[in-house]
Amino acid sequence: MKKKVLLVEDDESVRQLVRVTLDLNGFEVVEAKDGLEGLLMLDLHKPDAVVLDLMMPDVGGERMLAQLRSTEETKRTPVVIITGKPEVEPEVIGLVGRENFFPKPFDPDAVIARLEAMLG
């Protein structure tokens, strides 16, 4: 059974790159173009993991991550962060772990390897 990954990224080209990479590696992909849509997809699709950008319009990645970690149902959902943000608050890194943080430009294969390690 395919593991379901919610991909939340506002940059269309990055979203497409990650989606194709996830798809080629056997993941089922659900996409959202911002944090608000991501929160809706999280409730609707109950993904096994989330790949999350931090800098997005409206509901940013930090806010989505805080919401994700605040509910019993999603607080243990594995999260990988990909971001172009030069400085990330220690609290954000603390919520996901340094090993789950990938600054842009990132190696898609490294993201896949991290997801596979997290999901078993």
PDB file of N, CA and C in Angstrom:
ATOM      1  N   MET A   1       0.841  -1.195   0.000  1.00  0.00           N
ATOM      2  CA  MET A   1       0.000   0.000   0.000  1.00  0.00           C
ATOM      3  C   MET A   1       0.881   1.252   0.000  1.00  0.00           C
ATOM      4  N   LYS A   2       0.570   2.172  -0.892  1.00  0.00           N
ATOM      5  CA  LYS A   2       1.344   3.400  -1.004  1.00  0.00           C
ATOM      6  C   LYS A   2       1.162   4.283   0.221  1.00  0.00           C
ATOM      7  N   LYS A   3       2.251   4.900   0.654  1.00  0.00           N
ATOM      8  CA  LYS A   3       2.179   5.900   1.726  1.00  0.00           C
ATOM      9  C   LYS A   3       1.733   7.218   1.100  1.00  0.00           C
ATOM     10  N   LYS A   4       0.839   7.918   1.804  1.00  0.00           N
ATOM     11  CA  LYS A   4       0.284   9.168   1.293  1.00  0.00           C
ATOM     12  C   LYS A   4       1.049  10.353   1.884  1.00  0.00           C
ATOM     13  N   VAL A   5       1.507  11.239   0.988  1.00  0.00           N
ATOM     14  CA  VAL A   5       2.250  12.423   1.400  1.00  0.00           C
ATOM     15  C   VAL A   5       1.492  13.672   0.954  1.00  0.00           C
ATOM     16  N   LEU A   6       1.290  14.583   1.901  1.00  0.00           N
ATOM     17  CA  LEU A   6       0.710  15.880   1.592  1.00  0.00           C
ATOM     18  C   LEU A   6       1.856  16.834   1.277  1.00  0.00           C
ATOM     19  N   LEU A   7       1.868  17.377   0.082  1.00  0.00           N
ATOM     20  CA  LEU A   7       2.884  18.312  -0.379  1.00  0.00           C
ATOM     21  C   LEU A   7       2.293  19.713  -0.362  1.00  0.00           C
ATOM     22  N   VAL A   8       2.845  20.599   0.481  1.00  0.00           N
ATOM     23  CA  VAL A   8       2.334  21.961   0.615  1.00  0.00           C
ATOM     24  C   VAL A   8       3.436  22.919   0.175  1.00  0.00           C
ATOM     25  N   GLU A   9       3.264  23.494  -1.021  1.00  0.00           N
ATOM     26  CA  GLU A   9       4.297  24.347  -1.636  1.00  0.00           C
ATOM     27  C   GLU A   9       3.621  25.326  -2.584  1.00  0.00           C
ATOM     28  N   ASP A  10       3.927  26.620  -2.448  1.00  0.00           N
ATOM     29  CA  ASP A  10       3.279  27.620  -3.301  1.00  0.00           C
ATOM     30  C   ASP A  10       3.972  27.796  -4.649  1.00  0.00           C
ATOM     31  N   ASP A  11       5.229  27.413  -4.765  1.00  0.00           N
ATOM     32  CA  ASP A  11       5.960  27.555  -6.031  1.00  0.00           C
ATOM     33  C   ASP A  11       5.634  26.358  -6.935  1.00  0.00           C
ATOM     34  N   GLU A  12       4.962  26.638  -8.042  1.00  0.00           N
ATOM     35  CA  GLU A  12       4.484  25.584  -8.949  1.00  0.00           C
ATOM     36  C   GLU A  12       5.616  24.678  -9.436  1.00  0.00           C
ATOM     37  N   SER A  13       6.766  25.248  -9.796  1.00  0.00           N
ATOM     38  CA  SER A  13       7.865  24.428 -10.333  1.00  0.00           C
ATOM     39  C   SER A  13       8.458  23.520  -9.257  1.00  0.00           C
ATOM     40  N   VAL A  14       8.592  24.029  -8.048  1.00  0.00           N
ATOM     41  CA  VAL A  14       9.102  23.196  -6.944  1.00  0.00           C
ATOM     42  C   VAL A  14       8.084  22.110  -6.617  1.00  0.00           C
ATOM     43  N   ARG A  15       6.808  22.481  -6.574  1.00  0.00           N
ATOM     44  CA  ARG A  15       5.754  21.506  -6.285  1.00  0.00           C
ATOM     45  C   ARG A  15       5.758  20.388  -7.321  1.00  0.00           C
ATOM     46  N   GLN A  16       5.926  20.750  -8.590  1.00  0.00           N
ATOM     47  CA  GLN A  16       5.951  19.748  -9.652  1.00  0.00           C
ATOM     48  C   GLN A  16       7.167  18.821  -9.507  1.00  0.00           C
ATOM     49  N   LEU A  17       8.335  19.383  -9.228  1.00  0.00           N
ATOM     50  CA  LEU A  17       9.549  18.583  -9.038  1.00  0.00           C
ATOM     51  C   LEU A  17       9.376  17.578  -7.898  1.00  0.00           C
ATOM     52  N   VAL A  18       8.873  18.060  -6.773  1.00  0.00           N
ATOM     53  CA  VAL A  18       8.700  17.179  -5.612  1.00  0.00           C
ATOM     54  C   VAL A  18       7.607  16.144  -5.882  1.00  0.00           C
ATOM     55  N   ARG A  19       6.509  16.572  -6.504  1.00  0.00           N
ATOM     56  CA  ARG A  19       5.416  15.640  -6.815  1.00  0.00           C
ATOM     57  C   ARG A  19       5.901  14.492  -7.701  1.00  0.00           C
ATOM     58  N   VAL A  20       6.621  14.830  -8.767  1.00  0.00           N
ATOM     59  CA  VAL A  20       7.121  13.803  -9.684  1.00  0.00           C
ATOM     60  C   VAL A  20       8.100  12.871  -8.967  1.00  0.00           C
ATOM     61  N   THR A  21       8.984  13.444  -8.160  1.00  0.00           N
ATOM     62  CA  THR A  21       9.955  12.632  -7.417  1.00  0.00           C
ATOM     63  C   THR A  21       9.250  11.690  -6.449  1.00  0.00           C
ATOM     64  N   LEU A  22       8.265  12.204  -5.727  1.00  0.00           N
ATOM     65  CA  LEU A  22       7.503  11.357  -4.801  1.00  0.00           C
ATOM     66  C   LEU A  22       6.773  10.251  -5.558  1.00  0.00           C
ATOM     67  N   ASP A  23       6.133  10.633  -6.647  1.00  0.00           N
ATOM     68  CA  ASP A  23       5.370   9.683  -7.464  1.00  0.00           C
ATOM     69  C   ASP A  23       6.274   8.569  -8.005  1.00  0.00           C
ATOM     70  N   LEU A  24       7.429   8.955  -8.519  1.00  0.00           N
ATOM     71  CA  LEU A  24       8.369   7.966  -9.070  1.00  0.00           C
ATOM     72  C   LEU A  24       8.916   7.020  -8.001  1.00  0.00           C
ATOM     73  N   ASN A  25       8.850   7.455  -6.746  1.00  0.00           N
ATOM     74  CA  ASN A  25       9.348   6.631  -5.642  1.00  0.00           C
ATOM     75  C   ASN A  25       8.228   5.914  -4.893  1.00  0.00           C
ATOM     76  N   GLY A  26       7.045   5.844  -5.511  1.00  0.00           N
ATOM     77  CA  GLY A  26       5.974   5.011  -4.977  1.00  0.00           C
ATOM     78  C   GLY A  26       5.076   5.635  -3.935  1.00  0.00           C
ATOM     79  N   PHE A  27       5.120   6.957  -3.792  1.00  0.00           N
ATOM     80  CA  PHE A  27       4.237   7.622  -2.842  1.00  0.00           C
ATOM     81  C   PHE A  27       2.976   8.105  -3.542  1.00  0.00           C
ATOM     82  N   GLU A  28       1.872   8.119  -2.818  1.00  0.00           N
ATOM     83  CA  GLU A  28       0.656   8.780  -3.285  1.00  0.00           C
ATOM     84  C   GLU A  28       0.769  10.230  -2.844  1.00  0.00           C
ATOM     85  N   VAL A  29       0.526  11.173  -3.751  1.00  0.00           N
ATOM     86  CA  VAL A  29       0.743  12.588  -3.458  1.00  0.00           C
ATOM     87  C   VAL A  29      -0.569  13.363  -3.486  1.00  0.00           C
ATOM     88  N   VAL A  30      -0.782  14.131  -2.426  1.00  0.00           N
ATOM     89  CA  VAL A  30      -1.887  15.084  -2.352  1.00  0.00           C
ATOM     90  C   VAL A  30      -1.222  16.449  -2.274  1.00  0.00           C
ATOM     91  N   GLU A  31      -1.685  17.399  -3.082  1.00  0.00           N
ATOM     92  CA  GLU A  31      -1.027  18.704  -3.169  1.00  0.00           C
ATOM     93  C   GLU A  31      -1.879  19.830  -2.606  1.00  0.00           C
ATOM     94  N   ALA A  32      -1.170  20.843  -2.083  1.00  0.00           N
ATOM     95  CA  ALA A  32      -1.806  22.089  -1.664  1.00  0.00           C
ATOM     96  C   ALA A  32      -0.860  23.230  -2.029  1.00  0.00           C
ATOM     97  N   LYS A  33      -1.432  24.358  -2.456  1.00  0.00           N
ATOM     98  CA  LYS A  33      -0.604  25.475  -2.899  1.00  0.00           C
ATOM     99  C   LYS A  33      -0.323  26.500  -1.808  1.00  0.00           C
ATOM    100  N   ASP A  34      -0.916  26.321  -0.628  1.00  0.00           N
ATOM    101  CA  ASP A  34      -0.622  27.193   0.511  1.00  0.00           C
ATOM    102  C   ASP A  34      -1.056  26.504   1.800  1.00  0.00           C
ATOM    103  N   GLY A  35      -0.753  27.135   2.924  1.00  0.00           N
ATOM    104  CA  GLY A  35      -1.045  26.528   4.212  1.00  0.00           C
ATOM    105  C   GLY A  35      -2.523  26.340   4.496  1.00  0.00           C
ATOM    106  N   LEU A  36      -3.342  27.274   4.027  1.00  0.00           N
ATOM    107  CA  LEU A  36      -4.784  27.149   4.248  1.00  0.00           C
ATOM    108  C   LEU A  36      -5.321  25.906   3.540  1.00  0.00           C
ATOM    109  N   GLU A  37      -4.954  25.767   2.274  1.00  0.00           N
ATOM    110  CA  GLU A  37      -5.362  24.582   1.521  1.00  0.00           C
ATOM    111  C   GLU A  37      -4.730  23.331   2.142  1.00  0.00           C
ATOM    112  N   GLY A  38      -3.496  23.478   2.627  1.00  0.00           N
ATOM    113  CA  GLY A  38      -2.816  22.351   3.279  1.00  0.00           C
ATOM    114  C   GLY A  38      -3.567  21.845   4.500  1.00  0.00           C
ATOM    115  N   LEU A  39      -4.072  22.764   5.307  1.00  0.00           N
ATOM    116  CA  LEU A  39      -4.839  22.363   6.493  1.00  0.00           C
ATOM    117  C   LEU A  39      -6.123  21.639   6.094  1.00  0.00           C
ATOM    118  N   LEU A  40      -6.770  22.105   5.032  1.00  0.00           N
ATOM    119  CA  LEU A  40      -7.978  21.434   4.546  1.00  0.00           C
ATOM    120  C   LEU A  40      -7.653  20.023   4.042  1.00  0.00           C
ATOM    121  N   MET A  41      -6.563  19.903   3.278  1.00  0.00           N
ATOM    122  CA  MET A  41      -6.151  18.604   2.739  1.00  0.00           C
ATOM    123  C   MET A  41      -5.711  17.655   3.849  1.00  0.00           C
ATOM    124  N   LEU A  42      -5.115  18.212   4.890  1.00  0.00           N
ATOM    125  CA  LEU A  42      -4.695  17.408   6.042  1.00  0.00           C
ATOM    126  C   LEU A  42      -5.903  16.721   6.669  1.00  0.00           C
ATOM    127  N   ASP A  43      -6.973  17.482   6.875  1.00  0.00           N
ATOM    128  CA  ASP A  43      -8.197  16.924   7.455  1.00  0.00           C
ATOM    129  C   ASP A  43      -8.877  15.949   6.504  1.00  0.00           C
ATOM    130  N   LEU A  44      -8.881  16.286   5.233  1.00  0.00           N
ATOM    131  CA  LEU A  44      -9.591  15.500   4.234  1.00  0.00           C
ATOM    132  C   LEU A  44      -8.892  14.178   3.899  1.00  0.00           C
ATOM    133  N   HIS A  45      -7.567  14.212   3.787  1.00  0.00           N
ATOM    134  CA  HIS A  45      -6.836  13.051   3.275  1.00  0.00           C
ATOM    135  C   HIS A  45      -6.051  12.245   4.312  1.00  0.00           C
ATOM    136  N   LYS A  46      -5.856  12.781   5.518  1.00  0.00           N
ATOM    137  CA  LYS A  46      -5.130  12.056   6.580  1.00  0.00           C
ATOM    138  C   LYS A  46      -3.820  11.444   6.059  1.00  0.00           C
ATOM    139  N   PRO A  47      -2.865  12.297   5.614  1.00  0.00           N
ATOM    140  CA  PRO A  47      -1.627  11.769   5.041  1.00  0.00           C
ATOM    141  C   PRO A  47      -0.740  11.088   6.078  1.00  0.00           C
ATOM    142  N   ASP A  48       0.155  10.236   5.578  1.00  0.00           N
ATOM    143  CA  ASP A  48       1.134   9.574   6.439  1.00  0.00           C
ATOM    144  C   ASP A  48       2.284  10.510   6.784  1.00  0.00           C
ATOM    145  N   ALA A  49       2.546  11.502   5.921  1.00  0.00           N
ATOM    146  CA  ALA A  49       3.620  12.479   6.130  1.00  0.00           C
ATOM    147  C   ALA A  49       3.285  13.756   5.377  1.00  0.00           C
ATOM    148  N   VAL A  50       3.999  14.835   5.739  1.00  0.00           N
ATOM    149  CA  VAL A  50       3.801  16.132   5.101  1.00  0.00           C
ATOM    150  C   VAL A  50       5.152  16.671   4.654  1.00  0.00           C
ATOM    151  N   VAL A  51       5.205  17.176   3.414  1.00  0.00           N
ATOM    152  CA  VAL A  51       6.359  17.928   2.926  1.00  0.00           C
ATOM    153  C   VAL A  51       5.875  19.367   2.846  1.00  0.00           C
ATOM    154  N   LEU A  52       6.539  20.261   3.587  1.00  0.00           N
ATOM    155  CA  LEU A  52       5.997  21.592   3.834  1.00  0.00           C
ATOM    156  C   LEU A  52       7.008  22.694   3.541  1.00  0.00           C
ATOM    157  N   ASP A  53       6.585  23.675   2.754  1.00  0.00           N
ATOM    158  CA  ASP A  53       7.362  24.903   2.556  1.00  0.00           C
ATOM    159  C   ASP A  53       7.004  25.842   3.704  1.00  0.00           C
ATOM    160  N   LEU A  54       7.930  26.724   4.091  1.00  0.00           N
ATOM    161  CA  LEU A  54       7.632  27.669   5.169  1.00  0.00           C
ATOM    162  C   LEU A  54       7.086  28.995   4.663  1.00  0.00           C
ATOM    163  N   MET A  55       7.669  29.512   3.585  1.00  0.00           N
ATOM    164  CA  MET A  55       7.269  30.837   3.097  1.00  0.00           C
ATOM    165  C   MET A  55       6.181  30.703   2.040  1.00  0.00           C
ATOM    166  N   MET A  56       4.946  30.959   2.479  1.00  0.00           N
ATOM    167  CA  MET A  56       3.790  30.888   1.578  1.00  0.00           C
ATOM    168  C   MET A  56       2.842  32.029   1.921  1.00  0.00           C
ATOM    169  N   PRO A  57       2.009  32.447   0.953  1.00  0.00           N
ATOM    170  CA  PRO A  57       1.033  33.500   1.248  1.00  0.00           C
ATOM    171  C   PRO A  57      -0.065  32.990   2.187  1.00  0.00           C
ATOM    172  N   ASP A  58      -0.770  33.928   2.780  1.00  0.00           N
ATOM    173  CA  ASP A  58      -1.882  33.636   3.697  1.00  0.00           C
ATOM    174  C   ASP A  58      -1.391  32.831   4.892  1.00  0.00           C
ATOM    175  N   VAL A  59      -1.715  31.563   4.958  1.00  0.00           N
ATOM    176  CA  VAL A  59      -1.272  30.722   6.065  1.00  0.00           C
ATOM    177  C   VAL A  59       0.102  30.148   5.704  1.00  0.00           C
ATOM    178  N   GLY A  60       1.142  30.627   6.381  1.00  0.00           N
ATOM    179  CA  GLY A  60       2.505  30.161   6.111  1.00  0.00           C
ATOM    180  C   GLY A  60       2.766  28.800   6.729  1.00  0.00           C
ATOM    181  N   GLY A  61       3.925  28.265   6.399  1.00  0.00           N
ATOM    182  CA  GLY A  61       4.294  26.938   6.879  1.00  0.00           C
ATOM    183  C   GLY A  61       4.438  26.842   8.383  1.00  0.00           C
ATOM    184  N   GLU A  62       4.961  27.908   9.019  1.00  0.00           N
ATOM    185  CA  GLU A  62       5.106  27.873  10.482  1.00  0.00           C
ATOM    186  C   GLU A  62       3.742  27.739  11.155  1.00  0.00           C
ATOM    187  N   ARG A  63       2.783  28.491  10.637  1.00  0.00           N
ATOM    188  CA  ARG A  63       1.431  28.454  11.212  1.00  0.00           C
ATOM    189  C   ARG A  63       0.778  27.087  10.974  1.00  0.00           C
ATOM    190  N   MET A  64       0.971  26.551   9.774  1.00  0.00           N
ATOM    191  CA  MET A  64       0.418  25.229   9.483  1.00  0.00           C
ATOM    192  C   MET A  64       1.059  24.171  10.373  1.00  0.00           C
ATOM    193  N   LEU A  65       2.371  24.265  10.555  1.00  0.00           N
ATOM    194  CA  LEU A  65       3.081  23.309  11.403  1.00  0.00           C
ATOM    195  C   LEU A  65       2.599  23.385  12.848  1.00  0.00           C
ATOM    196  N   ALA A  66       2.414  24.602  13.357  1.00  0.00           N
ATOM    197  CA  ALA A  66       1.910  24.776  14.721  1.00  0.00           C
ATOM    198  C   ALA A  66       0.529  24.138  14.866  1.00  0.00           C
ATOM    199  N   GLN A  67      -0.330  24.342  13.877  1.00  0.00           N
ATOM    200  CA  GLN A  67      -1.673  23.748  13.890  1.00  0.00           C
ATOM    201  C   GLN A  67      -1.585  22.221  13.844  1.00  0.00           C
ATOM    202  N   LEU A  68      -0.720  21.722  12.995  1.00  0.00           N
ATOM    203  CA  LEU A  68      -0.539  20.277  12.831  1.00  0.00           C
ATOM    204  C   LEU A  68      -0.091  19.641  14.151  1.00  0.00           C
ATOM    205  N   ARG A  69       0.837  20.303  14.846  1.00  0.00           N
ATOM    206  CA  ARG A  69       1.384  19.773  16.102  1.00  0.00           C
ATOM    207  C   ARG A  69       0.439  19.965  17.285  1.00  0.00           C
ATOM    208  N   SER A  70      -0.609  20.776  17.118  1.00  0.00           N
ATOM    209  CA  SER A  70      -1.492  21.092  18.243  1.00  0.00           C
ATOM    210  C   SER A  70      -2.652  20.117  18.417  1.00  0.00           C
ATOM    211  N   THR A  71      -2.866  19.217  17.466  1.00  0.00           N
ATOM    212  CA  THR A  71      -3.985  18.291  17.599  1.00  0.00           C
ATOM    213  C   THR A  71      -3.486  16.869  17.827  1.00  0.00           C
ATOM    214  N   GLU A  72      -4.209  16.138  18.618  1.00  0.00           N
ATOM    215  CA  GLU A  72      -3.843  14.764  18.957  1.00  0.00           C
ATOM    216  C   GLU A  72      -3.716  13.893  17.710  1.00  0.00           C
ATOM    217  N   GLU A  73      -4.617  14.115  16.751  1.00  0.00           N
ATOM    218  CA  GLU A  73      -4.662  13.290  15.547  1.00  0.00           C
ATOM    219  C   GLU A  73      -3.439  13.469  14.643  1.00  0.00           C
ATOM    220  N   THR A  74      -2.852  14.690  14.636  1.00  0.00           N
ATOM    221  CA  THR A  74      -1.762  14.954  13.691  1.00  0.00           C
ATOM    222  C   THR A  74      -0.427  15.300  14.340  1.00  0.00           C
ATOM    223  N   LYS A  75      -0.349  15.334  15.650  1.00  0.00           N
ATOM    224  CA  LYS A  75       0.890  15.813  16.277  1.00  0.00           C
ATOM    225  C   LYS A  75       2.098  14.910  16.036  1.00  0.00           C
ATOM    226  N   ARG A  76       1.882  13.651  15.693  1.00  0.00           N
ATOM    227  CA  ARG A  76       2.988  12.735  15.418  1.00  0.00           C
ATOM    228  C   ARG A  76       3.221  12.505  13.924  1.00  0.00           C
ATOM    229  N   THR A  77       2.474  13.204  13.082  1.00  0.00           N
ATOM    230  CA  THR A  77       2.649  13.075  11.633  1.00  0.00           C
ATOM    231  C   THR A  77       4.048  13.555  11.255  1.00  0.00           C
ATOM    232  N   PRO A  78       4.839  12.712  10.574  1.00  0.00           N
ATOM    233  CA  PRO A  78       6.181  13.145  10.155  1.00  0.00           C
ATOM    234  C   PRO A  78       6.105  14.323   9.186  1.00  0.00           C
ATOM    235  N   VAL A  79       6.993  15.299   9.402  1.00  0.00           N
ATOM    236  CA  VAL A  79       7.031  16.491   8.562  1.00  0.00           C
ATOM    237  C   VAL A  79       8.457  16.715   8.070  1.00  0.00           C
ATOM    238  N   VAL A  80       8.577  16.960   6.768  1.00  0.00           N
ATOM    239  CA  VAL A  80       9.835  17.379   6.151  1.00  0.00           C
ATOM    240  C   VAL A  80       9.624  18.799   5.666  1.00  0.00           C
ATOM    241  N   ILE A  81      10.548  19.685   6.023  1.00  0.00           N
ATOM    242  CA  ILE A  81      10.438  21.077   5.599  1.00  0.00           C
ATOM    243  C   ILE A  81      11.435  21.349   4.484  1.00  0.00           C
ATOM    244  N   ILE A  82      10.934  21.953   3.406  1.00  0.00           N
ATOM    245  CA  ILE A  82      11.797  22.464   2.337  1.00  0.00           C
ATOM    246  C   ILE A  82      11.517  23.959   2.243  1.00  0.00           C
ATOM    247  N   THR A  83      12.565  24.771   2.293  1.00  0.00           N
ATOM    248  CA  THR A  83      12.325  26.207   2.321  1.00  0.00           C
ATOM    249  C   THR A  83      13.494  27.001   1.781  1.00  0.00           C
ATOM    250  N   GLY A  84      13.167  28.165   1.253  1.00  0.00           N
ATOM    251  CA  GLY A  84      14.174  29.112   0.815  1.00  0.00           C
ATOM    252  C   GLY A  84      14.467  30.150   1.889  1.00  0.00           C
ATOM    253  N   LYS A  85      13.827  30.023   3.020  1.00  0.00           N
ATOM    254  CA  LYS A  85      14.000  30.975   4.114  1.00  0.00           C
ATOM    255  C   LYS A  85      15.424  30.847   4.669  1.00  0.00           C
ATOM    256  N   PRO A  86      16.183  31.949   4.695  1.00  0.00           N
ATOM    257  CA  PRO A  86      17.578  31.854   5.121  1.00  0.00           C
ATOM    258  C   PRO A  86      17.756  31.530   6.608  1.00  0.00           C
ATOM    259  N   GLU A  87      16.897  32.047   7.449  1.00  0.00           N
ATOM    260  CA  GLU A  87      16.979  31.788   8.888  1.00  0.00           C
ATOM    261  C   GLU A  87      15.654  31.198   9.361  1.00  0.00           C
ATOM    262  N   VAL A  88      15.740  30.087  10.063  1.00  0.00           N
ATOM    263  CA  VAL A  88      14.531  29.449  10.583  1.00  0.00           C
ATOM    264  C   VAL A  88      14.593  29.465  12.105  1.00  0.00           C
ATOM    265  N   GLU A  89      13.494  29.830  12.727  1.00  0.00           N
ATOM    266  CA  GLU A  89      13.431  29.921  14.169  1.00  0.00           C
ATOM    267  C   GLU A  89      13.719  28.558  14.803  1.00  0.00           C
ATOM    268  N   PRO A  90      14.467  28.557  15.907  1.00  0.00           N
ATOM    269  CA  PRO A  90      14.783  27.293  16.600  1.00  0.00           C
ATOM    270  C   PRO A  90      13.527  26.501  16.989  1.00  0.00           C
ATOM    271  N   GLU A  91      12.428  27.213  17.298  1.00  0.00           N
ATOM    272  CA  GLU A  91      11.188  26.516  17.675  1.00  0.00           C
ATOM    273  C   GLU A  91      10.676  25.669  16.521  1.00  0.00           C
ATOM    274  N   VAL A  92      10.788  26.191  15.293  1.00  0.00           N
ATOM    275  CA  VAL A  92      10.330  25.454  14.113  1.00  0.00           C
ATOM    276  C   VAL A  92      11.189  24.207  13.919  1.00  0.00           C
ATOM    277  N   ILE A  93      12.499  24.383  14.006  1.00  0.00           N
ATOM    278  CA  ILE A  93      13.402  23.236  13.875  1.00  0.00           C
ATOM    279  C   ILE A  93      13.119  22.222  14.984  1.00  0.00           C
ATOM    280  N   GLY A  94      12.806  22.724  16.169  1.00  0.00           N
ATOM    281  CA  GLY A  94      12.478  21.837  17.290  1.00  0.00           C
ATOM    282  C   GLY A  94      11.219  21.017  17.053  1.00  0.00           C
ATOM    283  N   LEU A  95      10.276  21.553  16.291  1.00  0.00           N
ATOM    284  CA  LEU A  95       9.030  20.830  16.017  1.00  0.00           C
ATOM    285  C   LEU A  95       9.208  19.698  15.008  1.00  0.00           C
ATOM    286  N   VAL A  96      10.233  19.790  14.163  1.00  0.00           N
ATOM    287  CA  VAL A  96      10.414  18.762  13.130  1.00  0.00           C
ATOM    288  C   VAL A  96      11.748  18.032  13.228  1.00  0.00           C
ATOM    289  N   GLY A  97      12.742  18.660  13.865  1.00  0.00           N
ATOM    290  CA  GLY A  97      14.071  18.058  13.941  1.00  0.00           C
ATOM    291  C   GLY A  97      14.961  18.537  12.814  1.00  0.00           C
ATOM    292  N   ARG A  98      16.197  18.863  13.119  1.00  0.00           N
ATOM    293  CA  ARG A  98      17.151  19.392  12.129  1.00  0.00           C
ATOM    294  C   ARG A  98      17.300  18.472  10.923  1.00  0.00           C
ATOM    295  N   GLU A  99      17.266  17.149  11.140  1.00  0.00           N
ATOM    296  CA  GLU A  99      17.452  16.192  10.041  1.00  0.00           C
ATOM    297  C   GLU A  99      16.283  16.191   9.057  1.00  0.00           C
ATOM    298  N   ASN A 100      15.184  16.835   9.402  1.00  0.00           N
ATOM    299  CA  ASN A 100      14.007  16.894   8.532  1.00  0.00           C
ATOM    300  C   ASN A 100      13.858  18.254   7.865  1.00  0.00           C
ATOM    301  N   PHE A 101      14.928  19.035   7.864  1.00  0.00           N
ATOM    302  CA  PHE A 101      14.923  20.390   7.330  1.00  0.00           C
ATOM    303  C   PHE A 101      15.843  20.453   6.115  1.00  0.00           C
ATOM    304  N   PHE A 102      15.304  20.877   4.960  1.00  0.00           N
ATOM    305  CA  PHE A 102      16.062  20.939   3.709  1.00  0.00           C
ATOM    306  C   PHE A 102      15.970  22.334   3.112  1.00  0.00           C
ATOM    307  N   PRO A 103      17.072  23.109   3.151  1.00  0.00           N
ATOM    308  CA  PRO A 103      17.045  24.431   2.527  1.00  0.00           C
ATOM    309  C   PRO A 103      17.070  24.319   1.000  1.00  0.00           C
ATOM    310  N   LYS A 104      16.377  25.247   0.328  1.00  0.00           N
ATOM    311  CA  LYS A 104      16.383  25.277  -1.133  1.00  0.00           C
ATOM    312  C   LYS A 104      17.678  25.943  -1.588  1.00  0.00           C
ATOM    313  N   PRO A 105      18.306  25.501  -2.657  1.00  0.00           N
ATOM    314  CA  PRO A 105      17.929  24.330  -3.451  1.00  0.00           C
ATOM    315  C   PRO A 105      18.257  23.046  -2.687  1.00  0.00           C
ATOM    316  N   PHE A 106      17.420  22.047  -2.810  1.00  0.00           N
ATOM    317  CA  PHE A 106      17.574  20.809  -2.054  1.00  0.00           C
ATOM    318  C   PHE A 106      17.721  19.635  -3.015  1.00  0.00           C
ATOM    319  N   ASP A 107      18.208  18.543  -2.476  1.00  0.00           N
ATOM    320  CA  ASP A 107      18.362  17.306  -3.243  1.00  0.00           C
ATOM    321  C   ASP A 107      17.079  16.490  -3.081  1.00  0.00           C
ATOM    322  N   PRO A 108      16.278  16.342  -4.142  1.00  0.00           N
ATOM    323  CA  PRO A 108      15.022  15.579  -4.028  1.00  0.00           C
ATOM    324  C   PRO A 108      15.234  14.159  -3.502  1.00  0.00           C
ATOM    325  N   ASP A 109      16.353  13.539  -3.877  1.00  0.00           N
ATOM    326  CA  ASP A 109      16.625  12.180  -3.397  1.00  0.00           C
ATOM    327  C   ASP A 109      16.848  12.145  -1.887  1.00  0.00           C
ATOM    328  N   ALA A 110      17.429  13.210  -1.333  1.00  0.00           N
ATOM    329  CA  ALA A 110      17.634  13.282   0.116  1.00  0.00           C
ATOM    330  C   ALA A 110      16.286  13.397   0.836  1.00  0.00           C
ATOM    331  N   VAL A 111      15.363  14.145   0.237  1.00  0.00           N
ATOM    332  CA  VAL A 111      14.020  14.271   0.817  1.00  0.00           C
ATOM    333  C   VAL A 111      13.325  12.905   0.802  1.00  0.00           C
ATOM    334  N   ILE A 112      13.436  12.189  -0.309  1.00  0.00           N
ATOM    335  CA  ILE A 112      12.842  10.852  -0.411  1.00  0.00           C
ATOM    336  C   ILE A 112      13.453   9.908   0.626  1.00  0.00           C
ATOM    337  N   ALA A 113      14.756   9.932   0.745  1.00  0.00           N
ATOM    338  CA  ALA A 113      15.444   9.061   1.710  1.00  0.00           C
ATOM    339  C   ALA A 113      14.971   9.370   3.132  1.00  0.00           C
ATOM    340  N   ARG A 114      14.784  10.642   3.447  1.00  0.00           N
ATOM    341  CA  ARG A 114      14.327  11.029   4.789  1.00  0.00           C
ATOM    342  C   ARG A 114      12.896  10.550   5.022  1.00  0.00           C
ATOM    343  N   LEU A 115      12.030  10.740   4.028  1.00  0.00           N
ATOM    344  CA  LEU A 115      10.647  10.271   4.158  1.00  0.00           C
ATOM    345  C   LEU A 115      10.603   8.761   4.354  1.00  0.00           C
ATOM    346  N   GLU A 116      11.374   8.032   3.561  1.00  0.00           N
ATOM    347  CA  GLU A 116      11.390   6.568   3.680  1.00  0.00           C
ATOM    348  C   GLU A 116      11.878   6.147   5.059  1.00  0.00           C
ATOM    349  N   ALA A 117      12.877   6.839   5.593  1.00  0.00           N
ATOM    350  CA  ALA A 117      13.372   6.522   6.943  1.00  0.00           C
ATOM    351  C   ALA A 117      12.311   6.805   8.004  1.00  0.00           C
ATOM    352  N   MET A 118      11.574   7.894   7.841  1.00  0.00           N
ATOM    353  CA  MET A 118      10.544   8.265   8.816  1.00  0.00           C
ATOM    354  C   MET A 118       9.344   7.328   8.772  1.00  0.00           C
ATOM    355  N   LEU A 119       9.011   6.865   7.570  1.00  0.00           N
ATOM    356  CA  LEU A 119       7.799   6.062   7.401  1.00  0.00           C
ATOM    357  C   LEU A 119       8.052   4.555   7.467  1.00  0.00           C
ATOM    358  N   GLY A 120       9.305   4.171   7.487  1.00  0.00           N
ATOM    359  CA  GLY A 120       9.641   2.751   7.617  1.00  0.00           C
ATOM    360  C   GLY A 120       9.500   1.919   6.386  1.00  0.00           C
TER     361      GLY A 120
END
